Amino acid sequence: MMAIESPCILVCSIDMVTGYCFGCGRTREEIGAWLDMTPETRRAVMAALPARLETVERKPRRETRRTRMARERGAV
């Protein structure tokens, strides 16, 4: 079975102002439908997440997978 990439960092709490998860930036609907989405749809959602996370009131308390990968590549 093939693993499905997910932006989840186990900080599962929704910002009531934006409707985005504080940890990953997805909406409740996107989180619930994630496994049923096509790879193309998941990639489109993941591309929007960095901008969404900039709009949430509170930032995640731990390093996200995206930040860690960027750091390991030397981009941060």
Protein backbone atom coordinates (compact mmCIF):
# COMPACT_ATOMS: atom_id res chain seq x y z
CA MET A 1 0.00 0.00 0.00
CA MET A 2 1.28 3.48 -0.88
CA ALA A 3 1.62 6.10 1.87
CA ILE A 4 -0.30 9.33 1.41
CA GLU A 5 1.63 12.49 2.24
CA SER A 6 -0.08 14.64 4.83
CA PRO A 7 0.75 18.07 6.23
CA CYS A 8 -0.56 17.04 9.66
CA ILE A 9 1.81 17.79 12.56
CA LEU A 10 -0.59 16.56 15.25
CA VAL A 11 -1.49 20.08 16.40
CA CYS A 12 -5.18 19.62 15.67
CA SER A 13 -7.08 22.73 16.62
CA ILE A 14 -9.12 25.00 14.36
CA ASP A 15 -8.71 28.79 14.36
CA MET A 16 -12.28 30.05 14.74
CA VAL A 17 -11.46 33.25 12.82
CA THR A 18 -10.00 31.68 9.65
CA GLY A 19 -11.35 28.13 9.88
CA TYR A 20 -7.85 26.73 9.36
CA CYS A 21 -6.06 24.21 11.56
CA PHE A 22 -3.33 25.90 13.63
CA GLY A 23 -0.96 23.03 12.85
CA CYS A 24 -1.41 22.24 9.17
CA GLY A 25 -3.59 25.00 7.72
CA ARG A 26 -6.31 22.75 6.34
CA THR A 27 -10.03 23.27 6.90
CA ARG A 28 -12.16 20.71 8.74
CA GLU A 29 -13.63 19.66 5.41
CA GLU A 30 -10.19 19.16 3.85
CA ILE A 31 -8.98 17.16 6.85
CA GLY A 32 -12.04 14.90 6.68
CA ALA A 33 -11.79 14.38 2.92
CA TRP A 34 -8.00 14.06 2.74
CA LEU A 35 -7.87 10.31 2.10
CA ASP A 36 -10.52 10.54 -0.63
CA MET A 37 -8.87 13.45 -2.48
CA THR A 38 -6.97 12.88 -5.68
CA PRO A 39 -3.20 13.41 -5.51
CA GLU A 40 -3.65 16.55 -7.63
CA THR A 41 -6.21 17.99 -5.23
CA ARG A 42 -4.00 17.22 -2.22
CA ARG A 43 -1.04 18.94 -3.93
CA ALA A 44 -3.18 22.01 -4.64
CA VAL A 45 -4.28 22.19 -0.99
CA MET A 46 -0.69 21.72 0.23
CA ALA A 47 0.50 24.55 -2.04
CA ALA A 48 -1.99 26.90 -0.34
CA LEU A 49 -1.05 25.96 3.23
CA PRO A 50 1.95 28.28 3.85
CA ALA A 51 -0.13 31.36 2.99
CA ARG A 52 -3.02 30.11 5.12
CA LEU A 53 -0.79 29.52 8.13
CA GLU A 54 0.32 33.15 7.95
CA THR A 55 -3.28 34.17 8.63
CA VAL A 56 -3.96 32.12 11.77
CA GLU A 57 -3.82 33.93 15.11
CA ARG A 58 -1.58 31.45 16.88
CA LYS A 59 1.40 29.63 15.42
CA PRO A 60 2.19 25.95 16.08
CA ARG A 61 4.41 25.41 19.11
CA ARG A 62 6.69 22.94 17.42
CA GLU A 63 8.56 22.74 14.16
CA THR A 64 6.39 21.67 11.26
CA ARG A 65 7.39 19.02 8.75
CA ARG A 66 7.53 21.68 6.03
CA THR A 67 9.84 23.88 8.14
CA ARG A 68 12.05 20.94 9.07
CA MET A 69 12.40 19.86 5.44
CA ALA A 70 13.27 23.41 4.39
CA ARG A 71 15.82 23.66 7.20
CA GLU A 72 17.39 20.34 6.19
CA ARG A 73 17.65 21.55 2.58
CA GLY A 74 19.40 24.66 3.86
CA ALA A 75 16.59 27.00 2.77
CA VAL A 76 15.91 28.34 6.28
